[in-house]
Amino acid sequence: MYLSVAASRAYVDAARRAGDRAALWEVPGEGHNDFLNRTTRSWALTLQAVVDQDPWSIR
């Protein structure tokens, strides 16, 4: 199943409007599964979110 970036953006927007904290990072040149590859920026962002447990601080 493929989830479009538009759907992801809409989800985050709706969550924020409802008062929830939601984060979405779009990493140029990387795809949905690149967070599994330890050599990518997506991996680093995922690791930081899990270890720091504050993904909203990530830029």
PDB file of N, CA and C in Angstrom:
ATOM      1  N   MET A   1       0.837  -1.176   0.000  1.00  0.00           N
ATOM      2  CA  MET A   1       0.000   0.000   0.000  1.00  0.00           C
ATOM      3  C   MET A   1       0.878   1.234   0.000  1.00  0.00           C
ATOM      4  N   TYR A   2       0.528   2.189  -0.795  1.00  0.00           N
ATOM      5  CA  TYR A   2       1.281   3.431  -0.919  1.00  0.00           C
ATOM      6  C   TYR A   2       0.488   4.567  -0.292  1.00  0.00           C
ATOM      7  N   LEU A   3       1.128   5.320   0.561  1.00  0.00           N
ATOM      8  CA  LEU A   3       0.504   6.485   1.169  1.00  0.00           C
ATOM      9  C   LEU A   3       1.150   7.724   0.564  1.00  0.00           C
ATOM     10  N   SER A   4       0.357   8.541  -0.085  1.00  0.00           N
ATOM     11  CA  SER A   4       0.909   9.718  -0.754  1.00  0.00           C
ATOM     12  C   SER A   4       1.339  10.769   0.261  1.00  0.00           C
ATOM     13  N   VAL A   5       2.264  11.611  -0.158  1.00  0.00           N
ATOM     14  CA  VAL A   5       2.707  12.696   0.708  1.00  0.00           C
ATOM     15  C   VAL A   5       1.550  13.660   0.961  1.00  0.00           C
ATOM     16  N   ALA A   6       0.664  13.816  -0.006  1.00  0.00           N
ATOM     17  CA  ALA A   6      -0.512  14.681   0.183  1.00  0.00           C
ATOM     18  C   ALA A   6      -1.400  14.147   1.313  1.00  0.00           C
ATOM     19  N   ALA A   7      -1.585  12.840   1.368  1.00  0.00           N
ATOM     20  CA  ALA A   7      -2.385  12.239   2.427  1.00  0.00           C
ATOM     21  C   ALA A   7      -1.694  12.416   3.781  1.00  0.00           C
ATOM     22  N   SER A   8      -0.383  12.282   3.797  1.00  0.00           N
ATOM     23  CA  SER A   8       0.372  12.479   5.034  1.00  0.00           C
ATOM     24  C   SER A   8       0.254  13.917   5.519  1.00  0.00           C
ATOM     25  N   ARG A   9       0.373  14.857   4.605  1.00  0.00           N
ATOM     26  CA  ARG A   9       0.235  16.271   4.969  1.00  0.00           C
ATOM     27  C   ARG A   9      -1.164  16.556   5.505  1.00  0.00           C
ATOM     28  N   ALA A  10      -2.175  16.001   4.850  1.00  0.00           N
ATOM     29  CA  ALA A  10      -3.560  16.215   5.289  1.00  0.00           C
ATOM     30  C   ALA A  10      -3.783  15.645   6.691  1.00  0.00           C
ATOM     31  N   TYR A  11      -3.213  14.483   6.957  1.00  0.00           N
ATOM     32  CA  TYR A  11      -3.339  13.869   8.279  1.00  0.00           C
ATOM     33  C   TYR A  11      -2.724  14.764   9.348  1.00  0.00           C
ATOM     34  N   VAL A  12      -1.511  15.253   9.089  1.00  0.00           N
ATOM     35  CA  VAL A  12      -0.829  16.106  10.058  1.00  0.00           C
ATOM     36  C   VAL A  12      -1.620  17.398  10.273  1.00  0.00           C
ATOM     37  N   ASP A  13      -2.111  17.992   9.200  1.00  0.00           N
ATOM     38  CA  ASP A  13      -2.912  19.214   9.325  1.00  0.00           C
ATOM     39  C   ASP A  13      -4.163  18.968  10.175  1.00  0.00           C
ATOM     40  N   ALA A  14      -4.850  17.870   9.915  1.00  0.00           N
ATOM     41  CA  ALA A  14      -6.070  17.551  10.660  1.00  0.00           C
ATOM     42  C   ALA A  14      -5.753  17.291  12.136  1.00  0.00           C
ATOM     43  N   ALA A  15      -4.668  16.588  12.396  1.00  0.00           N
ATOM     44  CA  ALA A  15      -4.282  16.300  13.780  1.00  0.00           C
ATOM     45  C   ALA A  15      -3.974  17.593  14.524  1.00  0.00           C
ATOM     46  N   ARG A  16      -3.258  18.488  13.870  1.00  0.00           N
ATOM     47  CA  ARG A  16      -2.925  19.760  14.518  1.00  0.00           C
ATOM     48  C   ARG A  16      -4.174  20.606  14.761  1.00  0.00           C
ATOM     49  N   ARG A  17      -5.078  20.623  13.807  1.00  0.00           N
ATOM     50  CA  ARG A  17      -6.327  21.372  13.989  1.00  0.00           C
ATOM     51  C   ARG A  17      -7.141  20.817  15.154  1.00  0.00           C
ATOM     52  N   ALA A  18      -7.012  19.523  15.396  1.00  0.00           N
ATOM     53  CA  ALA A  18      -7.729  18.877  16.499  1.00  0.00           C
ATOM     54  C   ALA A  18      -7.010  19.071  17.838  1.00  0.00           C
ATOM     55  N   GLY A  19      -5.851  19.741  17.798  1.00  0.00           N
ATOM     56  CA  GLY A  19      -5.115  19.990  19.029  1.00  0.00           C
ATOM     57  C   GLY A  19      -4.057  18.959  19.358  1.00  0.00           C
ATOM     58  N   ASP A  20      -3.845  18.004  18.459  1.00  0.00           N
ATOM     59  CA  ASP A  20      -2.819  16.978  18.678  1.00  0.00           C
ATOM     60  C   ASP A  20      -1.469  17.462  18.159  1.00  0.00           C
ATOM     61  N   ARG A  21      -0.424  16.875  18.698  1.00  0.00           N
ATOM     62  CA  ARG A  21       0.916  17.156  18.177  1.00  0.00           C
ATOM     63  C   ARG A  21       1.207  16.132  17.101  1.00  0.00           C
ATOM     64  N   ALA A  22       1.612  16.606  15.963  1.00  0.00           N
ATOM     65  CA  ALA A  22       1.926  15.712  14.848  1.00  0.00           C
ATOM     66  C   ALA A  22       3.130  16.274  14.108  1.00  0.00           C
ATOM     67  N   ALA A  23       3.957  15.388  13.608  1.00  0.00           N
ATOM     68  CA  ALA A  23       5.160  15.806  12.891  1.00  0.00           C
ATOM     69  C   ALA A  23       5.266  15.037  11.578  1.00  0.00           C
ATOM     70  N   LEU A  24       5.784  15.701  10.580  1.00  0.00           N
ATOM     71  CA  LEU A  24       6.034  15.075   9.276  1.00  0.00           C
ATOM     72  C   LEU A  24       7.312  15.679   8.727  1.00  0.00           C
ATOM     73  N   TRP A  25       8.246  14.824   8.384  1.00  0.00           N
ATOM     74  CA  TRP A  25       9.478  15.295   7.763  1.00  0.00           C
ATOM     75  C   TRP A  25       9.517  14.788   6.351  1.00  0.00           C
ATOM     76  N   GLU A  26       9.732  15.690   5.421  1.00  0.00           N
ATOM     77  CA  GLU A  26       9.930  15.339   4.023  1.00  0.00           C
ATOM     78  C   GLU A  26      11.401  15.567   3.721  1.00  0.00           C
ATOM     79  N   VAL A  27      12.080  14.490   3.380  1.00  0.00           N
ATOM     80  CA  VAL A  27      13.510  14.567   3.121  1.00  0.00           C
ATOM     81  C   VAL A  27      13.726  14.490   1.615  1.00  0.00           C
ATOM     82  N   PRO A  28      14.188  15.586   1.012  1.00  0.00           N
ATOM     83  CA  PRO A  28      14.389  15.609  -0.445  1.00  0.00           C
ATOM     84  C   PRO A  28      15.281  14.461  -0.925  1.00  0.00           C
ATOM     85  N   GLY A  29      14.831  13.793  -1.958  1.00  0.00           N
ATOM     86  CA  GLY A  29      15.608  12.715  -2.560  1.00  0.00           C
ATOM     87  C   GLY A  29      15.467  11.370  -1.872  1.00  0.00           C
ATOM     88  N   GLU A  30      14.673  11.297  -0.810  1.00  0.00           N
ATOM     89  CA  GLU A  30      14.496  10.034  -0.104  1.00  0.00           C
ATOM     90  C   GLU A  30      13.036   9.608  -0.158  1.00  0.00           C
ATOM     91  N   GLY A  31      12.820   8.307  -0.213  1.00  0.00           N
ATOM     92  CA  GLY A  31      11.480   7.763  -0.299  1.00  0.00           C
ATOM     93  C   GLY A  31      10.970   7.237   1.029  1.00  0.00           C
ATOM     94  N   HIS A  32       9.795   6.663   0.979  1.00  0.00           N
ATOM     95  CA  HIS A  32       9.087   6.211   2.179  1.00  0.00           C
ATOM     96  C   HIS A  32       9.894   5.217   3.023  1.00  0.00           C
ATOM     97  N   ASN A  33      10.577   4.289   2.404  1.00  0.00           N
ATOM     98  CA  ASN A  33      11.282   3.240   3.150  1.00  0.00           C
ATOM     99  C   ASN A  33      12.737   3.583   3.456  1.00  0.00           C
ATOM    100  N   ASP A  34      13.198   4.770   3.093  1.00  0.00           N
ATOM    101  CA  ASP A  34      14.600   5.116   3.324  1.00  0.00           C
ATOM    102  C   ASP A  34      14.948   5.248   4.809  1.00  0.00           C
ATOM    103  N   PHE A  35      13.944   5.379   5.666  1.00  0.00           N
ATOM    104  CA  PHE A  35      14.233   5.452   7.103  1.00  0.00           C
ATOM    105  C   PHE A  35      14.823   4.140   7.622  1.00  0.00           C
ATOM    106  N   LEU A  36      14.745   3.076   6.820  1.00  0.00           N
ATOM    107  CA  LEU A  36      15.305   1.781   7.207  1.00  0.00           C
ATOM    108  C   LEU A  36      16.781   1.644   6.832  1.00  0.00           C
ATOM    109  N   ASN A  37      17.304   2.565   6.046  1.00  0.00           N
ATOM    110  CA  ASN A  37      18.680   2.513   5.562  1.00  0.00           C
ATOM    111  C   ASN A  37      19.550   3.408   6.444  1.00  0.00           C
ATOM    112  N   ARG A  38      20.503   2.816   7.125  1.00  0.00           N
ATOM    113  CA  ARG A  38      21.322   3.546   8.099  1.00  0.00           C
ATOM    114  C   ARG A  38      22.195   4.635   7.495  1.00  0.00           C
ATOM    115  N   THR A  39      22.284   4.719   6.200  1.00  0.00           N
ATOM    116  CA  THR A  39      23.131   5.734   5.566  1.00  0.00           C
ATOM    117  C   THR A  39      22.340   6.978   5.158  1.00  0.00           C
ATOM    118  N   THR A  40      21.047   7.034   5.469  1.00  0.00           N
ATOM    119  CA  THR A  40      20.212   8.139   5.000  1.00  0.00           C
ATOM    120  C   THR A  40      19.909   9.155   6.095  1.00  0.00           C
ATOM    121  N   ARG A  41      19.516  10.328   5.662  1.00  0.00           N
ATOM    122  CA  ARG A  41      19.062  11.377   6.586  1.00  0.00           C
ATOM    123  C   ARG A  41      17.789  10.910   7.302  1.00  0.00           C
ATOM    124  N   SER A  42      16.930  10.181   6.586  1.00  0.00           N
ATOM    125  CA  SER A  42      15.695   9.673   7.191  1.00  0.00           C
ATOM    126  C   SER A  42      15.993   8.774   8.379  1.00  0.00           C
ATOM    127  N   TRP A  43      17.009   7.928   8.255  1.00  0.00           N
ATOM    128  CA  TRP A  43      17.410   7.058   9.368  1.00  0.00           C
ATOM    129  C   TRP A  43      17.823   7.915  10.567  1.00  0.00           C
ATOM    130  N   ALA A  44      18.644   8.924  10.325  1.00  0.00           N
ATOM    131  CA  ALA A  44      19.120   9.785  11.404  1.00  0.00           C
ATOM    132  C   ALA A  44      17.956  10.492  12.100  1.00  0.00           C
ATOM    133  N   LEU A  45      16.993  10.970  11.340  1.00  0.00           N
ATOM    134  CA  LEU A  45      15.824  11.628  11.916  1.00  0.00           C
ATOM    135  C   LEU A  45      14.994  10.652  12.738  1.00  0.00           C
ATOM    136  N   THR A  46      14.824   9.444  12.223  1.00  0.00           N
ATOM    137  CA  THR A  46      14.058   8.424  12.945  1.00  0.00           C
ATOM    138  C   THR A  46      14.749   8.065  14.251  1.00  0.00           C
ATOM    139  N   LEU A  47      16.039   7.844  14.187  1.00  0.00           N
ATOM    140  CA  LEU A  47      16.803   7.507  15.389  1.00  0.00           C
ATOM    141  C   LEU A  47      16.710   8.631  16.416  1.00  0.00           C
ATOM    142  N   GLN A  48      16.857   9.861  15.975  1.00  0.00           N
ATOM    143  CA  GLN A  48      16.771  10.995  16.889  1.00  0.00           C
ATOM    144  C   GLN A  48      15.386  11.064  17.533  1.00  0.00           C
ATOM    145  N   ALA A  49      14.343  10.833  16.754  1.00  0.00           N
ATOM    146  CA  ALA A  49      12.977  10.879  17.294  1.00  0.00           C
ATOM    147  C   ALA A  49      12.762   9.797  18.344  1.00  0.00           C
ATOM    148  N   VAL A  50      13.309   8.612  18.102  1.00  0.00           N
ATOM    149  CA  VAL A  50      13.131   7.499  19.041  1.00  0.00           C
ATOM    150  C   VAL A  50      13.979   7.693  20.291  1.00  0.00           C
ATOM    151  N   VAL A  51      15.227   8.081  20.127  1.00  0.00           N
ATOM    152  CA  VAL A  51      16.135   8.227  21.265  1.00  0.00           C
ATOM    153  C   VAL A  51      15.767   9.452  22.099  1.00  0.00           C
ATOM    154  N   ASP A  52      15.530  10.580  21.452  1.00  0.00           N
ATOM    155  CA  ASP A  52      15.213  11.806  22.181  1.00  0.00           C
ATOM    156  C   ASP A  52      13.773  11.810  22.685  1.00  0.00           C
ATOM    157  N   GLN A  53      12.931  11.047  22.025  1.00  0.00           N
ATOM    158  CA  GLN A  53      11.507  10.985  22.344  1.00  0.00           C
ATOM    159  C   GLN A  53      10.849  12.360  22.291  1.00  0.00           C
ATOM    160  N   ASP A  54      11.390  13.247  21.471  1.00  0.00           N
ATOM    161  CA  ASP A  54      10.792  14.556  21.236  1.00  0.00           C
ATOM    162  C   ASP A  54      10.964  14.896  19.759  1.00  0.00           C
ATOM    163  N   PRO A  55      10.218  14.222  18.885  1.00  0.00           N
ATOM    164  CA  PRO A  55      10.400  14.437  17.453  1.00  0.00           C
ATOM    165  C   PRO A  55      10.043  15.834  16.995  1.00  0.00           C
ATOM    166  N   TRP A  56       9.327  16.593  17.812  1.00  0.00           N
ATOM    167  CA  TRP A  56       8.936  17.931  17.404  1.00  0.00           C
ATOM    168  C   TRP A  56      10.092  18.900  17.464  1.00  0.00           C
ATOM    169  N   SER A  57      11.178  18.505  18.107  1.00  0.00           N
ATOM    170  CA  SER A  57      12.350  19.376  18.187  1.00  0.00           C
ATOM    171  C   SER A  57      13.265  19.206  16.983  1.00  0.00           C
ATOM    172  N   ILE A  58      12.997  18.227  16.157  1.00  0.00           N
ATOM    173  CA  ILE A  58      13.864  17.916  15.016  1.00  0.00           C
ATOM    174  C   ILE A  58      13.615  18.896  13.888  1.00  0.00           C
ATOM    175  N   ARG A  59      14.674  19.359  13.302  1.00  0.00           N
ATOM    176  CA  ARG A  59      14.595  20.253  12.133  1.00  0.00           C
ATOM    177  C   ARG A  59      15.267  19.610  10.965  1.00  0.00           C
TER     178      ARG A  59
END
